[in-house]
Amino acid sequence: MARKKKSSSTTRLKNSSGRRESRHKSAGSAEQPGTRRKTQTLSSERESRLKTIKPSGKGDENFFELVYEVARQIPKGRVTSYGAIARCLGTKMSARMVGWAMNGAGRVRPRVPAHRVVNRVGMLSGKHHFDDPDQMERLLQKEGVKVSNDQVVDFQKVFWDPVTVFGL
């Protein structure tokens, strides 16, 4: 009896004892069992958290609009970081995207207080995106936030963490 030729989806591997082993790949074997369910659960949790930030009832929003909505919640006299907003939105590795959103915040209505968003150590890293490079500092000082050498003084005291405020 002739042996059937193995399909190209079979992989030959050596196990720890040096013996050859065959493993068959199937079309659906790319995911671990239960991975899809975990991903769906995480996605639904993230969506429910985002909905608590904006109670206006709008359904489809892009990332920048969500960033602007969080930034509008920052109280006067307080600052937050790009990374804190990203964590609040469930995308902790997207601090740079929050920065891009803040870069375009001057053209958005209702107004977004982009001057209240600084980098993770309190530096006014976005000041170059204002009409006047000193405008960010002036706006913060007008709200009672002390700034020295482009750095927020007592950053930890005036830091506003949206994750703790929204209980996420």
C-alpha atoms as a PDB file:
ATOM      1  CA  MET A   1       0.000   0.000   0.000  1.00  0.00           C
ATOM      2  CA  ALA A   2       1.392   3.378  -0.957  1.00  0.00           C
ATOM      3  CA  ARG A   3       1.919   5.997   1.719  1.00  0.00           C
ATOM      4  CA  LYS A   4       0.108   9.266   1.315  1.00  0.00           C
ATOM      5  CA  LYS A   5       2.328  12.250   0.818  1.00  0.00           C
ATOM      6  CA  LYS A   6       2.119  14.654   3.751  1.00  0.00           C
ATOM      7  CA  SER A   7       0.542  18.015   3.025  1.00  0.00           C
ATOM      8  CA  SER A   8       2.570  21.191   2.971  1.00  0.00           C
ATOM      9  CA  SER A   9       0.869  22.348   6.157  1.00  0.00           C
ATOM     10  CA  THR A  10       2.788  19.789   8.215  1.00  0.00           C
ATOM     11  CA  THR A  11       5.799  21.079  10.115  1.00  0.00           C
ATOM     12  CA  ARG A  12       8.613  18.829  11.294  1.00  0.00           C
ATOM     13  CA  LEU A  13      10.228  19.842  14.559  1.00  0.00           C
ATOM     14  CA  LYS A  14      12.757  18.322  16.890  1.00  0.00           C
ATOM     15  CA  ASN A  15      11.546  18.005  20.436  1.00  0.00           C
ATOM     16  CA  SER A  16      13.758  18.360  23.532  1.00  0.00           C
ATOM     17  CA  SER A  17      14.992  14.744  23.296  1.00  0.00           C
ATOM     18  CA  GLY A  18      16.075  15.203  19.668  1.00  0.00           C
ATOM     19  CA  ARG A  19      13.289  13.156  18.106  1.00  0.00           C
ATOM     20  CA  ARG A  20      11.412  14.473  15.136  1.00  0.00           C
ATOM     21  CA  GLU A  21       7.828  15.412  15.656  1.00  0.00           C
ATOM     22  CA  SER A  22       5.160  16.379  13.146  1.00  0.00           C
ATOM     23  CA  ARG A  23       2.665  19.085  13.872  1.00  0.00           C
ATOM     24  CA  HIS A  24      -0.261  19.787  11.642  1.00  0.00           C
ATOM     25  CA  LYS A  25      -1.402  23.357  11.101  1.00  0.00           C
ATOM     26  CA  SER A  26      -5.053  23.937  10.578  1.00  0.00           C
ATOM     27  CA  ALA A  27      -6.648  27.097   9.240  1.00  0.00           C
ATOM     28  CA  GLY A  28      -8.029  28.122  12.633  1.00  0.00           C
ATOM     29  CA  SER A  29      -5.065  27.179  14.804  1.00  0.00           C
ATOM     30  CA  ALA A  30      -3.507  30.656  14.817  1.00  0.00           C
ATOM     31  CA  GLU A  31      -5.385  31.611  17.987  1.00  0.00           C
ATOM     32  CA  GLN A  32      -5.227  29.914  21.344  1.00  0.00           C
ATOM     33  CA  PRO A  33      -8.561  28.508  22.544  1.00  0.00           C
ATOM     34  CA  GLY A  34     -10.496  31.220  24.357  1.00  0.00           C
ATOM     35  CA  THR A  35      -8.380  34.092  23.008  1.00  0.00           C
ATOM     36  CA  ARG A  36     -11.181  35.504  20.896  1.00  0.00           C
ATOM     37  CA  ARG A  37     -13.534  35.538  23.903  1.00  0.00           C
ATOM     38  CA  LYS A  38     -10.922  37.342  26.062  1.00  0.00           C
ATOM     39  CA  THR A  39     -10.332  39.909  23.316  1.00  0.00           C
ATOM     40  CA  GLN A  40     -14.052  40.533  22.961  1.00  0.00           C
ATOM     41  CA  THR A  41     -14.416  40.925  26.726  1.00  0.00           C
ATOM     42  CA  LEU A  42     -11.545  43.433  26.890  1.00  0.00           C
ATOM     43  CA  SER A  43     -13.001  45.360  23.963  1.00  0.00           C
ATOM     44  CA  SER A  44     -16.440  45.566  25.554  1.00  0.00           C
ATOM     45  CA  GLU A  45     -14.921  46.661  28.897  1.00  0.00           C
ATOM     46  CA  ARG A  46     -12.923  49.398  27.146  1.00  0.00           C
ATOM     47  CA  GLU A  47     -16.023  50.577  25.254  1.00  0.00           C
ATOM     48  CA  SER A  48     -18.073  50.757  28.439  1.00  0.00           C
ATOM     49  CA  ARG A  49     -15.323  52.797  30.143  1.00  0.00           C
ATOM     50  CA  LEU A  50     -15.177  55.231  27.246  1.00  0.00           C
ATOM     51  CA  LYS A  51     -18.934  55.676  27.316  1.00  0.00           C
ATOM     52  CA  THR A  52     -18.753  56.811  30.939  1.00  0.00           C
ATOM     53  CA  ILE A  53     -16.499  59.692  29.928  1.00  0.00           C
ATOM     54  CA  LYS A  54     -18.930  61.201  27.442  1.00  0.00           C
ATOM     55  CA  PRO A  55     -22.571  60.925  28.473  1.00  0.00           C
ATOM     56  CA  SER A  56     -23.857  62.827  25.425  1.00  0.00           C
ATOM     57  CA  GLY A  57     -24.996  59.622  23.753  1.00  0.00           C
ATOM     58  CA  LYS A  58     -22.844  59.854  20.626  1.00  0.00           C
ATOM     59  CA  GLY A  59     -21.976  56.383  19.406  1.00  0.00           C
ATOM     60  CA  ASP A  60     -19.177  56.524  16.855  1.00  0.00           C
ATOM     61  CA  GLU A  61     -16.254  58.653  17.933  1.00  0.00           C
ATOM     62  CA  ASN A  62     -12.691  58.633  16.807  1.00  0.00           C
ATOM     63  CA  PHE A  63      -9.685  58.573  19.099  1.00  0.00           C
ATOM     64  CA  PHE A  64      -8.996  62.315  18.810  1.00  0.00           C
ATOM     65  CA  GLU A  65     -12.551  63.191  19.871  1.00  0.00           C
ATOM     66  CA  LEU A  66     -12.186  60.951  22.928  1.00  0.00           C
ATOM     67  CA  VAL A  67      -8.883  62.642  23.794  1.00  0.00           C
ATOM     68  CA  TYR A  68     -10.547  66.065  23.516  1.00  0.00           C
ATOM     69  CA  GLU A  69     -13.405  64.943  25.749  1.00  0.00           C
ATOM     70  CA  VAL A  70     -10.987  63.821  28.483  1.00  0.00           C
ATOM     71  CA  ALA A  71      -8.941  67.030  28.140  1.00  0.00           C
ATOM     72  CA  ARG A  72     -12.097  69.126  28.581  1.00  0.00           C
ATOM     73  CA  GLN A  73     -12.579  67.461  31.985  1.00  0.00           C
ATOM     74  CA  ILE A  74      -9.232  68.759  33.368  1.00  0.00           C
ATOM     75  CA  PRO A  75     -10.057  71.346  36.064  1.00  0.00           C
ATOM     76  CA  LYS A  76      -8.578  74.839  35.967  1.00  0.00           C
ATOM     77  CA  GLY A  77      -5.346  75.014  37.916  1.00  0.00           C
ATOM     78  CA  ARG A  78      -4.522  71.360  37.266  1.00  0.00           C
ATOM     79  CA  VAL A  79      -2.497  69.552  34.586  1.00  0.00           C
ATOM     80  CA  THR A  80      -2.309  66.012  33.265  1.00  0.00           C
ATOM     81  CA  SER A  81       0.039  64.116  30.970  1.00  0.00           C
ATOM     82  CA  TYR A  82      -0.321  62.663  27.489  1.00  0.00           C
ATOM     83  CA  GLY A  83       0.233  59.190  28.949  1.00  0.00           C
ATOM     84  CA  ALA A  84      -2.438  59.656  31.632  1.00  0.00           C
ATOM     85  CA  ILE A  85      -5.015  60.481  28.957  1.00  0.00           C
ATOM     86  CA  ALA A  86      -3.905  57.463  26.912  1.00  0.00           C
ATOM     87  CA  ARG A  87      -4.253  55.182  29.982  1.00  0.00           C
ATOM     88  CA  CYS A  88      -7.699  56.617  30.659  1.00  0.00           C
ATOM     89  CA  LEU A  89      -8.749  55.658  27.135  1.00  0.00           C
ATOM     90  CA  GLY A  90      -7.396  52.131  27.554  1.00  0.00           C
ATOM     91  CA  THR A  91      -4.463  52.628  25.177  1.00  0.00           C
ATOM     92  CA  LYS A  92      -1.524  53.238  27.483  1.00  0.00           C
ATOM     93  CA  MET A  93       1.006  52.971  24.640  1.00  0.00           C
ATOM     94  CA  SER A  94      -0.627  55.805  22.673  1.00  0.00           C
ATOM     95  CA  ALA A  95       0.761  58.876  24.448  1.00  0.00           C
ATOM     96  CA  ARG A  96       2.193  60.149  21.155  1.00  0.00           C
ATOM     97  CA  MET A  97      -1.211  59.879  19.510  1.00  0.00           C
ATOM     98  CA  VAL A  98      -2.619  61.986  22.358  1.00  0.00           C
ATOM     99  CA  GLY A  99       0.130  64.495  21.543  1.00  0.00           C
ATOM    100  CA  TRP A 100      -0.942  64.555  17.900  1.00  0.00           C
ATOM    101  CA  ALA A 101      -4.517  65.149  19.013  1.00  0.00           C
ATOM    102  CA  MET A 102      -3.431  68.022  21.252  1.00  0.00           C
ATOM    103  CA  ASN A 103      -1.466  69.482  18.341  1.00  0.00           C
ATOM    104  CA  GLY A 104      -4.728  69.889  16.416  1.00  0.00           C
ATOM    105  CA  ALA A 105      -6.825  70.967  19.405  1.00  0.00           C
ATOM    106  CA  GLY A 106      -6.626  74.668  18.524  1.00  0.00           C
ATOM    107  CA  ARG A 107      -9.009  74.150  15.609  1.00  0.00           C
ATOM    108  CA  VAL A 108     -11.601  72.148  17.575  1.00  0.00           C
ATOM    109  CA  ARG A 109     -14.888  73.486  18.933  1.00  0.00           C
ATOM    110  CA  PRO A 110     -15.934  73.380  21.710  1.00  0.00           C
ATOM    111  CA  ARG A 111     -12.577  74.597  22.933  1.00  0.00           C
ATOM    112  CA  VAL A 112     -10.033  72.101  24.288  1.00  0.00           C
ATOM    113  CA  PRO A 113      -7.689  73.292  27.095  1.00  0.00           C
ATOM    114  CA  ALA A 114      -4.564  71.824  25.479  1.00  0.00           C
ATOM    115  CA  HIS A 115      -2.345  74.002  27.676  1.00  0.00           C
ATOM    116  CA  ARG A 116      -3.240  71.743  30.627  1.00  0.00           C
ATOM    117  CA  VAL A 117      -1.611  68.688  29.008  1.00  0.00           C
ATOM    118  CA  VAL A 118       2.132  68.295  29.576  1.00  0.00           C
ATOM    119  CA  ASN A 119       4.630  65.452  29.344  1.00  0.00           C
ATOM    120  CA  ARG A 120       5.132  62.829  32.060  1.00  0.00           C
ATOM    121  CA  VAL A 121       7.588  64.933  34.081  1.00  0.00           C
ATOM    122  CA  GLY A 122       5.683  68.211  33.824  1.00  0.00           C
ATOM    123  CA  MET A 123       7.593  69.812  30.943  1.00  0.00           C
ATOM    124  CA  LEU A 124       5.691  72.107  28.588  1.00  0.00           C
ATOM    125  CA  SER A 125       6.642  69.952  25.621  1.00  0.00           C
ATOM    126  CA  GLY A 126       3.694  71.127  23.499  1.00  0.00           C
ATOM    127  CA  LYS A 127       4.398  74.843  23.834  1.00  0.00           C
ATOM    128  CA  HIS A 128       5.805  75.092  20.304  1.00  0.00           C
ATOM    129  CA  HIS A 129       2.399  74.240  18.860  1.00  0.00           C
ATOM    130  CA  PHE A 130       0.774  77.387  20.237  1.00  0.00           C
ATOM    131  CA  ASP A 131       0.649  80.664  18.291  1.00  0.00           C
ATOM    132  CA  ASP A 132       3.207  82.135  20.682  1.00  0.00           C
ATOM    133  CA  PRO A 133       5.678  79.733  22.381  1.00  0.00           C
ATOM    134  CA  ASP A 134       5.070  81.471  25.729  1.00  0.00           C
ATOM    135  CA  GLN A 135       1.263  81.276  25.472  1.00  0.00           C
ATOM    136  CA  MET A 136       1.051  77.847  27.144  1.00  0.00           C
ATOM    137  CA  GLU A 137       3.010  79.087  30.152  1.00  0.00           C
ATOM    138  CA  ARG A 138       0.932  82.287  30.396  1.00  0.00           C
ATOM    139  CA  LEU A 139      -2.348  80.350  30.296  1.00  0.00           C
ATOM    140  CA  LEU A 140      -1.179  77.973  33.034  1.00  0.00           C
ATOM    141  CA  GLN A 141       0.058  80.829  35.230  1.00  0.00           C
ATOM    142  CA  LYS A 142      -3.254  82.641  34.736  1.00  0.00           C
ATOM    143  CA  GLU A 143      -4.945  79.547  36.215  1.00  0.00           C
ATOM    144  CA  GLY A 144      -2.562  79.496  39.185  1.00  0.00           C
ATOM    145  CA  VAL A 145      -0.133  76.805  37.975  1.00  0.00           C
ATOM    146  CA  LYS A 146       3.464  77.847  38.665  1.00  0.00           C
ATOM    147  CA  VAL A 147       5.919  77.281  35.823  1.00  0.00           C
ATOM    148  CA  SER A 148       9.683  77.703  35.929  1.00  0.00           C
ATOM    149  CA  ASN A 149      12.039  76.987  32.983  1.00  0.00           C
ATOM    150  CA  ASP A 150       9.230  75.347  30.995  1.00  0.00           C
ATOM    151  CA  GLN A 151       8.521  72.937  33.875  1.00  0.00           C
ATOM    152  CA  VAL A 152       5.429  72.803  36.090  1.00  0.00           C
ATOM    153  CA  VAL A 153       6.476  73.522  39.694  1.00  0.00           C
ATOM    154  CA  ASP A 154       5.169  70.913  42.178  1.00  0.00           C
ATOM    155  CA  PHE A 155       3.964  68.768  39.296  1.00  0.00           C
ATOM    156  CA  GLN A 156       2.765  65.946  41.573  1.00  0.00           C
ATOM    157  CA  LYS A 157       0.570  68.353  43.558  1.00  0.00           C
ATOM    158  CA  VAL A 158      -1.211  69.806  40.517  1.00  0.00           C
ATOM    159  CA  PHE A 159      -1.322  66.551  38.542  1.00  0.00           C
ATOM    160  CA  TRP A 160      -4.854  65.446  37.645  1.00  0.00           C
ATOM    161  CA  ASP A 161      -5.128  61.724  36.933  1.00  0.00           C
ATOM    162  CA  PRO A 162      -8.207  60.902  34.817  1.00  0.00           C
ATOM    163  CA  VAL A 163      -7.857  57.185  35.585  1.00  0.00           C
ATOM    164  CA  THR A 164      -8.443  57.726  39.312  1.00  0.00           C
ATOM    165  CA  VAL A 165     -11.068  60.438  38.763  1.00  0.00           C
ATOM    166  CA  PHE A 166     -13.160  58.247  36.451  1.00  0.00           C
ATOM    167  CA  GLY A 167     -12.446  55.121  38.525  1.00  0.00           C
ATOM    168  CA  LEU A 168     -10.970  53.145  35.647  1.00  0.00           C
END
